[in-house]
Amino acid sequence: MTRSQATFTDLRELLGVTQGNLGVHLQKLEDSGYVEVQREFVGKKPRSTCRITASGRKAFHEHLARLQQIAGESPQ
């Protein structure tokens, strides 16, 4: 959320997930309209650059708010 965009490789390394796992998650987020993925070739290598959409940012903040609400409701 702090970056305007990130490459697939950057996200994979940052999150510590496998290429396949990240690919599946990004596809679902893209299908939902939460992220945009720009696919291109640099030389002969593919490069995917991901950025969150306005609706993705809104959904993320709503999800965090709900988690905070749930955490506040549970006994400590």
Protein backbone atom coordinates (compact mmCIF):
# COMPACT_ATOMS: atom_id res chain seq x y z
CA MET A 1 0.00 0.00 0.00
CA THR A 2 2.97 2.33 0.39
CA ARG A 3 4.15 1.86 -3.19
CA SER A 4 2.32 3.13 -6.24
CA GLN A 5 3.32 -0.05 -8.06
CA ALA A 6 5.50 -3.13 -7.69
CA THR A 7 6.82 -5.78 -10.02
CA PHE A 8 5.79 -9.40 -9.66
CA THR A 9 9.35 -10.26 -8.60
CA ASP A 10 9.40 -7.52 -5.95
CA LEU A 11 6.09 -8.74 -4.52
CA ARG A 12 7.21 -12.37 -4.51
CA GLU A 13 10.39 -11.51 -2.60
CA LEU A 14 8.66 -9.07 -0.24
CA LEU A 15 5.90 -11.54 0.65
CA GLY A 16 8.06 -14.67 0.68
CA VAL A 17 5.61 -16.70 -1.37
CA THR A 18 6.05 -18.98 -4.34
CA GLN A 19 5.64 -17.75 -7.89
CA GLY A 20 2.58 -19.97 -8.38
CA ASN A 21 0.92 -18.86 -5.17
CA LEU A 22 1.40 -15.18 -5.94
CA GLY A 23 0.22 -15.68 -9.52
CA VAL A 24 -3.05 -17.25 -8.37
CA HIS A 25 -3.70 -14.53 -5.80
CA LEU A 26 -2.93 -11.72 -8.22
CA GLN A 27 -5.23 -13.24 -10.82
CA LYS A 28 -8.09 -13.35 -8.32
CA LEU A 29 -7.41 -9.77 -7.23
CA GLU A 30 -7.26 -8.66 -10.85
CA ASP A 31 -10.50 -10.50 -11.69
CA SER A 32 -12.16 -8.70 -8.76
CA GLY A 33 -10.91 -5.33 -9.98
CA TYR A 34 -8.72 -4.77 -6.92
CA VAL A 35 -5.41 -4.65 -8.80
CA GLU A 36 -4.29 -3.86 -12.32
CA VAL A 37 -1.47 -5.89 -13.82
CA GLN A 38 0.50 -4.55 -16.76
CA ARG A 39 2.30 -7.31 -18.64
CA GLU A 40 5.17 -6.51 -20.97
CA PHE A 41 8.48 -7.85 -22.22
CA VAL A 42 11.78 -6.19 -21.41
CA GLY A 43 14.13 -7.65 -23.93
CA LYS A 44 13.11 -11.30 -23.94
CA LYS A 45 12.03 -11.39 -20.29
CA PRO A 46 8.43 -10.96 -19.20
CA ARG A 47 7.73 -8.31 -16.57
CA SER A 48 4.46 -7.80 -14.74
CA THR A 49 3.88 -4.58 -12.84
CA CYS A 50 1.02 -4.47 -10.35
CA ARG A 51 -0.83 -1.53 -8.87
CA ILE A 52 -3.83 -1.35 -6.57
CA THR A 53 -7.02 0.20 -7.93
CA ALA A 54 -9.26 2.68 -6.13
CA SER A 55 -11.76 -0.09 -5.40
CA GLY A 56 -8.94 -2.33 -4.16
CA ARG A 57 -7.70 0.36 -1.81
CA LYS A 58 -11.26 0.91 -0.52
CA ALA A 59 -11.80 -2.83 0.01
CA PHE A 60 -8.49 -3.13 1.83
CA HIS A 61 -9.34 -0.30 4.23
CA GLU A 62 -12.82 -1.75 4.85
CA HIS A 63 -11.24 -5.14 5.58
CA LEU A 64 -8.80 -3.59 8.07
CA ALA A 65 -11.61 -1.67 9.76
CA ARG A 66 -13.63 -4.88 10.14
CA LEU A 67 -10.63 -6.74 11.59
CA GLN A 68 -10.09 -3.94 14.09
CA GLN A 69 -13.76 -4.10 15.01
CA ILE A 70 -13.57 -7.86 15.52
CA ALA A 71 -10.38 -7.52 17.58
CA GLY A 72 -12.08 -4.93 19.78
CA GLU A 73 -15.04 -7.24 20.38
CA SER A 74 -13.01 -10.25 21.49
CA PRO A 75 -11.93 -10.74 25.11
CA GLN A 76 -8.25 -10.23 25.82
